[in-house]
C-alpha atoms as a PDB file:
ATOM      1  CA  MET A   1      -3.239 -17.968 -10.165  1.00  0.00           C
ATOM      2  CA  PRO A   2      -1.951 -21.251  -8.723  1.00  0.00           C
ATOM      3  CA  THR A   3      -3.281 -21.963  -5.242  1.00  0.00           C
ATOM      4  CA  SER A   4      -0.469 -24.309  -4.153  1.00  0.00           C
ATOM      5  CA  ALA A   5       3.065 -23.331  -3.307  1.00  0.00           C
ATOM      6  CA  PRO A   6       5.889 -24.312  -5.659  1.00  0.00           C
ATOM      7  CA  GLY A   7       7.221 -27.781  -5.044  1.00  0.00           C
ATOM      8  CA  VAL A   8       4.047 -28.992  -3.321  1.00  0.00           C
ATOM      9  CA  ARG A   9       2.601 -32.138  -4.960  1.00  0.00           C
ATOM     10  CA  PRO A  10      -1.022 -31.773  -6.119  1.00  0.00           C
ATOM     11  CA  ARG A  11      -3.731 -33.845  -4.596  1.00  0.00           C
ATOM     12  CA  ASP A  12      -4.690 -37.166  -6.196  1.00  0.00           C
ATOM     13  CA  ASP A  13      -7.902 -35.804  -7.663  1.00  0.00           C
ATOM     14  CA  GLU A  14      -5.989 -32.904  -9.229  1.00  0.00           C
ATOM     15  CA  ALA A  15      -3.298 -35.187 -10.671  1.00  0.00           C
ATOM     16  CA  ALA A  16      -5.808 -37.651 -12.123  1.00  0.00           C
ATOM     17  CA  ALA A  17      -5.878 -37.666 -15.911  1.00  0.00           C
ATOM     18  CA  ALA A  18      -8.955 -36.428 -17.654  1.00  0.00           C
ATOM     19  CA  PRO A  19     -11.222 -39.243 -18.838  1.00  0.00           C
ATOM     20  CA  LEU A  20     -10.957 -40.245 -22.486  1.00  0.00           C
ATOM     21  CA  ALA A  21     -13.761 -39.461 -24.850  1.00  0.00           C
ATOM     22  CA  PRO A  22     -16.193 -42.331 -25.398  1.00  0.00           C
ATOM     23  CA  SER A  23     -15.611 -44.563 -28.402  1.00  0.00           C
ATOM     24  CA  ALA A  24     -17.549 -43.764 -31.530  1.00  0.00           C
ATOM     25  CA  ARG A  25     -20.522 -45.906 -32.375  1.00  0.00           C
ATOM     26  CA  LEU A  26     -20.133 -48.746 -34.843  1.00  0.00           C
ATOM     27  CA  LEU A  27     -22.273 -47.509 -37.727  1.00  0.00           C
ATOM     28  CA  PRO A  28     -20.894 -43.936 -37.935  1.00  0.00           C
ATOM     29  CA  SER A  29     -17.362 -45.304 -37.603  1.00  0.00           C
ATOM     30  CA  LEU A  30     -18.044 -47.909 -40.276  1.00  0.00           C
ATOM     31  CA  ALA A  31     -19.386 -45.258 -42.651  1.00  0.00           C
ATOM     32  CA  ALA A  32     -16.355 -43.014 -42.084  1.00  0.00           C
ATOM     33  CA  VAL A  33     -13.836 -45.816 -42.650  1.00  0.00           C
ATOM     34  CA  TYR A  34     -15.780 -47.028 -45.684  1.00  0.00           C
ATOM     35  CA  ARG A  35     -15.760 -43.587 -47.327  1.00  0.00           C
ATOM     36  CA  ALA A  36     -12.075 -43.083 -46.611  1.00  0.00           C
ATOM     37  CA  GLN A  37     -11.110 -46.501 -47.963  1.00  0.00           C
ATOM     38  CA  LEU A  38     -13.329 -46.141 -51.031  1.00  0.00           C
ATOM     39  CA  SER A  39     -11.782 -42.770 -51.836  1.00  0.00           C
ATOM     40  CA  ARG A  40      -8.298 -44.229 -51.458  1.00  0.00           C
ATOM     41  CA  ALA A  41      -9.124 -47.310 -53.532  1.00  0.00           C
ATOM     42  CA  ARG A  42     -10.672 -45.224 -56.284  1.00  0.00           C
ATOM     43  CA  VAL A  43      -7.357 -43.497 -56.886  1.00  0.00           C
ATOM     44  CA  ALA A  44      -4.903 -46.320 -56.265  1.00  0.00           C
ATOM     45  CA  ARG A  45      -6.773 -49.426 -57.451  1.00  0.00           C
ATOM     46  CA  ILE A  46      -8.422 -48.454 -60.742  1.00  0.00           C
ATOM     47  CA  PRO A  47      -5.528 -49.835 -62.878  1.00  0.00           C
ATOM     48  CA  LEU A  48      -5.643 -53.084 -60.920  1.00  0.00           C
ATOM     49  CA  LEU A  49      -9.394 -53.343 -61.462  1.00  0.00           C
ATOM     50  CA  PHE A  50      -8.787 -53.149 -65.201  1.00  0.00           C
ATOM     51  CA  VAL A  51      -6.208 -55.913 -64.829  1.00  0.00           C
ATOM     52  CA  ALA A  52      -8.667 -58.084 -62.888  1.00  0.00           C
ATOM     53  CA  THR A  53     -11.411 -57.564 -65.474  1.00  0.00           C
ATOM     54  CA  PHE A  54      -9.089 -58.117 -68.415  1.00  0.00           C
ATOM     55  CA  GLN A  55      -7.763 -61.282 -66.773  1.00  0.00           C
ATOM     56  CA  SER A  56     -11.258 -62.735 -66.380  1.00  0.00           C
ATOM     57  CA  ILE A  57     -12.236 -61.804 -69.929  1.00  0.00           C
ATOM     58  CA  GLY A  58      -9.042 -63.417 -71.244  1.00  0.00           C
ATOM     59  CA  ILE A  59      -9.759 -66.634 -69.323  1.00  0.00           C
ATOM     60  CA  MET A  60     -13.243 -66.838 -70.820  1.00  0.00           C
ATOM     61  CA  VAL A  61     -11.894 -66.259 -74.328  1.00  0.00           C
ATOM     62  CA  LEU A  62      -9.374 -69.083 -73.822  1.00  0.00           C
ATOM     63  CA  MET A  63     -12.005 -71.425 -72.397  1.00  0.00           C
ATOM     64  CA  ARG A  64     -14.327 -70.641 -75.303  1.00  0.00           C
ATOM     65  CA  GLY A  65     -12.073 -72.755 -77.478  1.00  0.00           C
ATOM     66  CA  VAL A  66     -12.593 -75.901 -75.373  1.00  0.00           C
ATOM     67  CA  VAL A  67     -16.072 -75.352 -73.896  1.00  0.00           C
ATOM     68  CA  ASP A  68     -19.104 -75.222 -76.168  1.00  0.00           C
ATOM     69  CA  GLY A  69     -21.982 -74.704 -73.780  1.00  0.00           C
ATOM     70  CA  GLY A  70     -24.114 -76.351 -71.157  1.00  0.00           C
ATOM     71  CA  SER A  71     -23.102 -76.578 -67.497  1.00  0.00           C
ATOM     72  CA  GLU A  72     -19.431 -76.129 -68.336  1.00  0.00           C
ATOM     73  CA  ALA A  73     -20.068 -72.754 -69.982  1.00  0.00           C
ATOM     74  CA  ARG A  74     -22.149 -71.654 -67.013  1.00  0.00           C
ATOM     75  CA  ALA A  75     -19.351 -72.648 -64.641  1.00  0.00           C
ATOM     76  CA  VAL A  76     -16.726 -70.754 -66.666  1.00  0.00           C
ATOM     77  CA  VAL A  77     -18.736 -67.534 -66.820  1.00  0.00           C
ATOM     78  CA  ALA A  78     -19.763 -67.665 -63.148  1.00  0.00           C
ATOM     79  CA  GLY A  79     -16.243 -68.514 -61.985  1.00  0.00           C
ATOM     80  CA  SER A  80     -14.643 -65.787 -64.092  1.00  0.00           C
ATOM     81  CA  THR A  81     -17.131 -63.234 -62.780  1.00  0.00           C
ATOM     82  CA  VAL A  82     -16.472 -64.027 -59.118  1.00  0.00           C
ATOM     83  CA  LEU A  83     -12.729 -64.103 -59.884  1.00  0.00           C
ATOM     84  CA  VAL A  84     -12.833 -60.308 -60.273  1.00  0.00           C
ATOM     85  CA  VAL A  85     -14.090 -60.124 -56.680  1.00  0.00           C
ATOM     86  CA  ALA A  86     -11.382 -62.534 -55.531  1.00  0.00           C
ATOM     87  CA  PHE A  87      -8.615 -60.522 -57.184  1.00  0.00           C
ATOM     88  CA  VAL A  88      -9.578 -57.294 -55.428  1.00  0.00           C
ATOM     89  CA  ALA A  89     -11.277 -58.373 -52.192  1.00  0.00           C
ATOM     90  CA  LEU A  90      -8.957 -61.263 -51.328  1.00  0.00           C
ATOM     91  CA  ASN A  91      -5.623 -60.611 -52.989  1.00  0.00           C
ATOM     92  CA  LEU A  92      -5.372 -56.827 -52.691  1.00  0.00           C
ATOM     93  CA  LEU A  93      -6.899 -56.687 -49.216  1.00  0.00           C
ATOM     94  CA  ALA A  94      -4.419 -59.282 -47.946  1.00  0.00           C
ATOM     95  CA  GLN A  95      -1.598 -57.146 -49.327  1.00  0.00           C
ATOM     96  CA  TYR A  96      -3.098 -53.964 -47.858  1.00  0.00           C
ATOM     97  CA  PHE A  97      -3.420 -55.261 -44.311  1.00  0.00           C
ATOM     98  CA  GLY A  98      -0.048 -56.987 -44.557  1.00  0.00           C
ATOM     99  CA  GLN A  99       1.493 -53.651 -45.523  1.00  0.00           C
ATOM    100  CA  LEU A 100      -0.330 -51.848 -42.697  1.00  0.00           C
ATOM    101  CA  ARG A 101       1.002 -54.314 -40.171  1.00  0.00           C
ATOM    102  CA  ALA A 102       4.561 -54.207 -41.527  1.00  0.00           C
ATOM    103  CA  THR A 103       4.791 -50.405 -41.730  1.00  0.00           C
ATOM    104  CA  GLY A 104       3.058 -49.654 -38.420  1.00  0.00           C
ATOM    105  CA  GLY A 105      -0.070 -48.321 -40.069  1.00  0.00           C
ATOM    106  CA  LEU A 106      -2.207 -50.273 -37.635  1.00  0.00           C
ATOM    107  CA  ASP A 107      -0.940 -47.951 -34.900  1.00  0.00           C
ATOM    108  CA  HIS A 108      -2.820 -45.103 -36.549  1.00  0.00           C
ATOM    109  CA  TYR A 109      -6.110 -46.980 -36.485  1.00  0.00           C
ATOM    110  CA  ALA A 110      -5.433 -48.195 -32.944  1.00  0.00           C
ATOM    111  CA  THR A 111      -5.288 -44.588 -31.705  1.00  0.00           C
ATOM    112  CA  LEU A 112      -8.678 -43.730 -33.200  1.00  0.00           C
ATOM    113  CA  PRO A 113     -11.777 -44.131 -31.008  1.00  0.00           C
ATOM    114  CA  VAL A 114     -13.409 -46.528 -33.450  1.00  0.00           C
ATOM    115  CA  PRO A 115     -14.362 -50.170 -32.877  1.00  0.00           C
ATOM    116  CA  PRO A 116     -12.052 -52.745 -34.497  1.00  0.00           C
ATOM    117  CA  ALA A 117     -15.013 -54.177 -36.399  1.00  0.00           C
ATOM    118  CA  ALA A 118     -15.533 -50.798 -38.103  1.00  0.00           C
ATOM    119  CA  VAL A 119     -11.975 -50.805 -39.456  1.00  0.00           C
ATOM    120  CA  VAL A 120     -12.223 -54.334 -40.837  1.00  0.00           C
ATOM    121  CA  LEU A 121     -15.766 -54.028 -42.178  1.00  0.00           C
ATOM    122  CA  GLY A 122     -15.127 -50.584 -43.661  1.00  0.00           C
ATOM    123  CA  ALA A 123     -12.025 -51.697 -45.548  1.00  0.00           C
ATOM    124  CA  ALA A 124     -13.642 -54.970 -46.644  1.00  0.00           C
ATOM    125  CA  GLY A 125     -16.791 -53.203 -47.814  1.00  0.00           C
ATOM    126  CA  ALA A 126     -14.819 -50.623 -49.785  1.00  0.00           C
ATOM    127  CA  TYR A 127     -12.718 -53.214 -51.575  1.00  0.00           C
ATOM    128  CA  ALA A 128     -15.767 -55.376 -52.308  1.00  0.00           C
ATOM    129  CA  SER A 129     -17.732 -52.380 -53.623  1.00  0.00           C
ATOM    130  CA  PHE A 130     -14.836 -51.476 -55.855  1.00  0.00           C
ATOM    131  CA  THR A 131     -15.332 -54.711 -57.805  1.00  0.00           C
ATOM    132  CA  VAL A 132     -18.907 -53.966 -58.917  1.00  0.00           C
ATOM    133  CA  PRO A 133     -18.176 -52.408 -62.365  1.00  0.00           C
ATOM    134  CA  GLY A 134     -15.682 -55.097 -63.377  1.00  0.00           C
ATOM    135  CA  THR A 135     -17.909 -57.894 -62.111  1.00  0.00           C
ATOM    136  CA  ALA A 136     -20.955 -56.643 -64.009  1.00  0.00           C
ATOM    137  CA  PHE A 137     -18.959 -56.130 -67.217  1.00  0.00           C
ATOM    138  CA  THR A 138     -17.414 -59.604 -66.974  1.00  0.00           C
ATOM    139  CA  ALA A 139     -20.803 -61.260 -66.402  1.00  0.00           C
ATOM    140  CA  VAL A 140     -22.385 -59.515 -69.385  1.00  0.00           C
ATOM    141  CA  ALA A 141     -19.405 -60.154 -71.667  1.00  0.00           C
ATOM    142  CA  GLY A 142     -19.243 -63.825 -70.672  1.00  0.00           C
ATOM    143  CA  SER A 143     -22.953 -64.318 -71.178  1.00  0.00           C
ATOM    144  CA  VAL A 144     -22.734 -62.857 -74.672  1.00  0.00           C
ATOM    145  CA  LEU A 145     -19.593 -64.854 -75.481  1.00  0.00           C
ATOM    146  CA  PHE A 146     -21.118 -68.200 -74.473  1.00  0.00           C
ATOM    147  CA  GLY A 147     -24.693 -67.430 -75.504  1.00  0.00           C
ATOM    148  CA  LEU A 148     -26.103 -67.507 -71.968  1.00  0.00           C
ATOM    149  CA  PRO A 149     -29.242 -65.601 -70.964  1.00  0.00           C
ATOM    150  CA  LEU A 150     -28.891 -62.175 -69.376  1.00  0.00           C
ATOM    151  CA  THR A 151     -32.305 -62.334 -67.725  1.00  0.00           C
ATOM    152  CA  HIS A 152     -31.226 -63.187 -64.201  1.00  0.00           C
ATOM    153  CA  LEU A 153     -27.990 -61.233 -63.906  1.00  0.00           C
ATOM    154  CA  TRP A 154     -29.740 -59.120 -61.292  1.00  0.00           C
ATOM    155  CA  ILE A 155     -28.610 -61.864 -58.886  1.00  0.00           C
ATOM    156  CA  LEU A 156     -25.229 -60.095 -58.902  1.00  0.00           C
ATOM    157  CA  VAL A 157     -26.813 -57.673 -56.428  1.00  0.00           C
ATOM    158  CA  ALA A 158     -26.628 -60.509 -53.891  1.00  0.00           C
ATOM    159  CA  VAL A 159     -23.648 -62.470 -55.224  1.00  0.00           C
ATOM    160  CA  VAL A 160     -21.176 -59.578 -55.229  1.00  0.00           C
ATOM    161  CA  PRO A 161     -21.652 -58.358 -51.614  1.00  0.00           C
ATOM    162  CA  LEU A 162     -21.900 -61.865 -50.132  1.00  0.00           C
ATOM    163  CA  SER A 163     -18.925 -63.244 -52.058  1.00  0.00           C
ATOM    164  CA  GLY A 164     -17.076 -59.996 -51.459  1.00  0.00           C
ATOM    165  CA  ALA A 165     -17.667 -60.198 -47.712  1.00  0.00           C
ATOM    166  CA  ALA A 166     -16.452 -63.801 -47.544  1.00  0.00           C
ATOM    167  CA  LEU A 167     -13.361 -63.168 -49.657  1.00  0.00           C
ATOM    168  CA  ALA A 168     -12.562 -59.792 -48.088  1.00  0.00           C
ATOM    169  CA  GLY A 169     -12.769 -61.280 -44.617  1.00  0.00           C
ATOM    170  CA  LEU A 170     -10.430 -64.055 -45.680  1.00  0.00           C
ATOM    171  CA  GLY A 171      -8.034 -61.604 -47.310  1.00  0.00           C
ATOM    172  CA  ALA A 172      -7.988 -59.323 -44.253  1.00  0.00           C
ATOM    173  CA  ALA A 173      -7.372 -62.270 -41.939  1.00  0.00           C
ATOM    174  CA  LEU A 174      -4.487 -63.513 -44.098  1.00  0.00           C
ATOM    175  CA  GLY A 175      -2.896 -60.067 -44.173  1.00  0.00           C
ATOM    176  CA  LEU A 176      -3.254 -59.537 -40.424  1.00  0.00           C
ATOM    177  CA  LEU A 177      -2.128 -62.998 -39.340  1.00  0.00           C
ATOM    178  CA  ALA A 178       0.857 -63.279 -41.673  1.00  0.00           C
ATOM    179  CA  PRO A 179       4.067 -62.596 -39.718  1.00  0.00           C
ATOM    180  CA  ARG A 180       5.684 -60.806 -42.667  1.00  0.00           C
ATOM    181  CA  GLN A 181       4.422 -58.553 -45.447  1.00  0.00           C
ATOM    182  CA  GLU A 182       5.913 -60.791 -48.134  1.00  0.00           C
ATOM    183  CA  LEU A 183       4.064 -63.783 -46.721  1.00  0.00           C
ATOM    184  CA  ALA A 184       0.787 -61.837 -46.738  1.00  0.00           C
ATOM    185  CA  THR A 185       1.330 -61.053 -50.422  1.00  0.00           C
ATOM    186  CA  LEU A 186       2.094 -64.707 -51.134  1.00  0.00           C
ATOM    187  CA  LEU A 187      -0.997 -65.910 -49.295  1.00  0.00           C
ATOM    188  CA  GLY A 188      -3.166 -63.416 -51.166  1.00  0.00           C
ATOM    189  CA  GLN A 189      -1.785 -64.617 -54.494  1.00  0.00           C
ATOM    190  CA  LEU A 190      -2.328 -68.250 -53.539  1.00  0.00           C
ATOM    191  CA  GLY A 191      -5.897 -67.521 -52.486  1.00  0.00           C
ATOM    192  CA  MET A 192      -6.643 -65.821 -55.788  1.00  0.00           C
ATOM    193  CA  SER A 193      -5.042 -68.722 -57.690  1.00  0.00           C
ATOM    194  CA  ALA A 194      -7.273 -71.139 -55.769  1.00  0.00           C
ATOM    195  CA  ALA A 195     -10.322 -69.059 -56.727  1.00  0.00           C
ATOM    196  CA  LEU A 196      -9.151 -69.187 -60.345  1.00  0.00           C
ATOM    197  CA  LEU A 197      -8.473 -72.914 -60.577  1.00  0.00           C
ATOM    198  CA  LEU A 198     -11.316 -74.152 -58.388  1.00  0.00           C
ATOM    199  CA  GLY A 199     -13.906 -71.601 -59.470  1.00  0.00           C
ATOM    200  CA  VAL A 200     -13.479 -71.393 -63.231  1.00  0.00           C
ATOM    201  CA  LEU A 201     -12.935 -75.067 -64.009  1.00  0.00           C
ATOM    202  CA  PRO A 202     -16.169 -77.111 -64.124  1.00  0.00           C
ATOM    203  CA  ALA A 203     -16.688 -79.049 -60.900  1.00  0.00           C
ATOM    204  CA  GLU A 204     -17.445 -82.337 -62.660  1.00  0.00           C
ATOM    205  CA  ARG A 205     -13.992 -82.338 -64.250  1.00  0.00           C
ATOM    206  CA  LEU A 206     -12.132 -82.025 -60.958  1.00  0.00           C
ATOM    207  CA  PRO A 207     -10.785 -85.056 -59.031  1.00  0.00           C
ATOM    208  CA  ALA A 208     -12.607 -85.839 -55.790  1.00  0.00           C
ATOM    209  CA  PRO A 209      -9.930 -84.496 -53.367  1.00  0.00           C
ATOM    210  CA  ILE A 210      -9.732 -81.217 -55.289  1.00  0.00           C
ATOM    211  CA  GLY A 211     -13.520 -81.076 -55.311  1.00  0.00           C
ATOM    212  CA  TRP A 212     -13.477 -81.235 -51.503  1.00  0.00           C
ATOM    213  CA  ALA A 213     -11.019 -78.337 -51.437  1.00  0.00           C
ATOM    214  CA  ARG A 214     -13.369 -76.463 -53.748  1.00  0.00           C
ATOM    215  CA  ASP A 215     -16.180 -76.870 -51.239  1.00  0.00           C
ATOM    216  CA  LEU A 216     -14.023 -75.158 -48.592  1.00  0.00           C
ATOM    217  CA  LEU A 217     -13.368 -72.081 -50.732  1.00  0.00           C
ATOM    218  CA  PRO A 218     -15.725 -69.221 -49.745  1.00  0.00           C
ATOM    219  CA  SER A 219     -16.229 -68.030 -53.317  1.00  0.00           C
ATOM    220  CA  THR A 220     -17.488 -71.448 -54.471  1.00  0.00           C
ATOM    221  CA  TYR A 221     -21.000 -70.800 -53.208  1.00  0.00           C
ATOM    222  CA  GLY A 222     -21.218 -67.463 -54.959  1.00  0.00           C
ATOM    223  CA  VAL A 223     -20.068 -69.156 -58.171  1.00  0.00           C
ATOM    224  CA  GLU A 224     -22.668 -71.905 -57.778  1.00  0.00           C
ATOM    225  CA  ALA A 225     -25.457 -69.426 -57.078  1.00  0.00           C
ATOM    226  CA  LEU A 226     -24.617 -67.403 -60.191  1.00  0.00           C
ATOM    227  CA  ALA A 227     -24.213 -70.521 -62.337  1.00  0.00           C
ATOM    228  CA  HIS A 228     -27.687 -71.779 -61.355  1.00  0.00           C
ATOM    229  CA  THR A 229     -29.283 -68.592 -62.668  1.00  0.00           C
ATOM    230  CA  PHE A 230     -28.034 -69.305 -66.193  1.00  0.00           C
ATOM    231  CA  ASP A 231     -30.311 -72.362 -66.403  1.00  0.00           C
ATOM    232  CA  PRO A 232     -33.483 -72.007 -68.482  1.00  0.00           C
ATOM    233  CA  HIS A 233     -35.497 -72.670 -65.305  1.00  0.00           C
ATOM    234  CA  PRO A 234     -33.296 -71.796 -62.310  1.00  0.00           C
ATOM    235  CA  ASP A 235     -33.619 -73.741 -59.084  1.00  0.00           C
ATOM    236  CA  TRP A 236     -34.176 -70.770 -56.817  1.00  0.00           C
ATOM    237  CA  ALA A 237     -34.104 -72.906 -53.687  1.00  0.00           C
ATOM    238  CA  ALA A 238     -30.559 -74.008 -54.563  1.00  0.00           C
ATOM    239  CA  VAL A 239     -29.624 -70.403 -55.346  1.00  0.00           C
ATOM    240  CA  ALA A 240     -30.954 -69.226 -51.968  1.00  0.00           C
ATOM    241  CA  LEU A 241     -29.126 -72.032 -50.156  1.00  0.00           C
ATOM    242  CA  ASP A 242     -25.809 -71.188 -51.847  1.00  0.00           C
ATOM    243  CA  LEU A 243     -26.240 -67.511 -51.015  1.00  0.00           C
ATOM    244  CA  ALA A 244     -27.097 -68.349 -47.402  1.00  0.00           C
ATOM    245  CA  VAL A 245     -23.950 -70.461 -47.064  1.00  0.00           C
ATOM    246  CA  CYS A 246     -21.900 -67.703 -48.676  1.00  0.00           C
ATOM    247  CA  GLY A 247     -23.351 -65.173 -46.240  1.00  0.00           C
ATOM    248  CA  ALA A 248     -22.639 -67.419 -43.238  1.00  0.00           C
ATOM    249  CA  VAL A 249     -19.057 -67.971 -44.376  1.00  0.00           C
ATOM    250  CA  GLY A 250     -18.700 -64.230 -44.881  1.00  0.00           C
ATOM    251  CA  ALA A 251     -19.877 -63.509 -41.332  1.00  0.00           C
ATOM    252  CA  VAL A 252     -17.404 -66.041 -39.919  1.00  0.00           C
ATOM    253  CA  SER A 253     -14.489 -64.774 -42.014  1.00  0.00           C
ATOM    254  CA  LEU A 254     -15.171 -61.150 -41.053  1.00  0.00           C
ATOM    255  CA  ALA A 255     -15.367 -62.147 -37.385  1.00  0.00           C
ATOM    256  CA  VAL A 256     -11.998 -63.901 -37.702  1.00  0.00           C
ATOM    257  CA  ALA A 257     -10.567 -60.830 -39.440  1.00  0.00           C
ATOM    258  CA  THR A 258     -11.814 -58.603 -36.610  1.00  0.00           C
ATOM    259  CA  TRP A 259     -10.164 -60.874 -34.047  1.00  0.00           C
ATOM    260  CA  ALA A 260      -6.951 -60.850 -36.091  1.00  0.00           C
ATOM    261  CA  TYR A 261      -7.054 -57.044 -36.172  1.00  0.00           C
ATOM    262  CA  ARG A 262      -7.363 -56.848 -32.385  1.00  0.00           C
ATOM    263  CA  ARG A 263      -4.514 -59.334 -32.021  1.00  0.00           C
ATOM    264  CA  ALA A 264      -2.247 -57.430 -34.415  1.00  0.00           C
ATOM    265  CA  ALA A 265      -3.106 -53.984 -33.011  1.00  0.00           C
ATOM    266  CA  VAL A 266      -2.018 -54.790 -29.463  1.00  0.00           C
ATOM    267  CA  ARG A 267       1.352 -56.227 -30.473  1.00  0.00           C
END
């Protein structure tokens, strides 16, 4: 039974709102977002993964007519392999976050007691993981097509997550910072086109200014690391350095994407 008479205002301690539940920890939140995004991507993105793989295979077949072997063949195969990651992790993730921002989907995530980093890292990890089958198939097919050794393709275990993190962070940042959904889609397409032109074409055939732009592209270091492993005697120090740079760029791009998520969620 109420203890106060009708019309009497409750005391301050009675009117105070109940405290909110504490925010979930990062790792459990990250795992939950990752599973949800991977389940969603498995249903909605499988046709696009086939398109990405078929596109890379087609590029290698076309380049086979003008490239015989040597460093140029290694560059084509490595660039086409990482292009699968760029298509999904950069292009599609930019479109996904651009759509979330345009349709108010970020409001749903903003109401959940999960850290912003978990949302960005979970989505980026799911999209990057989704590229693994197409990336492996492209690398094997390209190696057979150009007569390159398959011995060191295990390096994809490092190249795919590091390149995927760098490109997914970039794609998420583009989608979250773009003021309109159409612009996010355009930026994602341009980023994938840059990965195509600057990653597949041999570096020695590019003019100097374009070569500098190539050095700024996050996927370049994953391409270089994979290309080195096709040598008869790989320079593992160079491979480790390229992977370290790719990992550092990935950490920075994911941090920028997390900041962009916070900025977009409060608007």
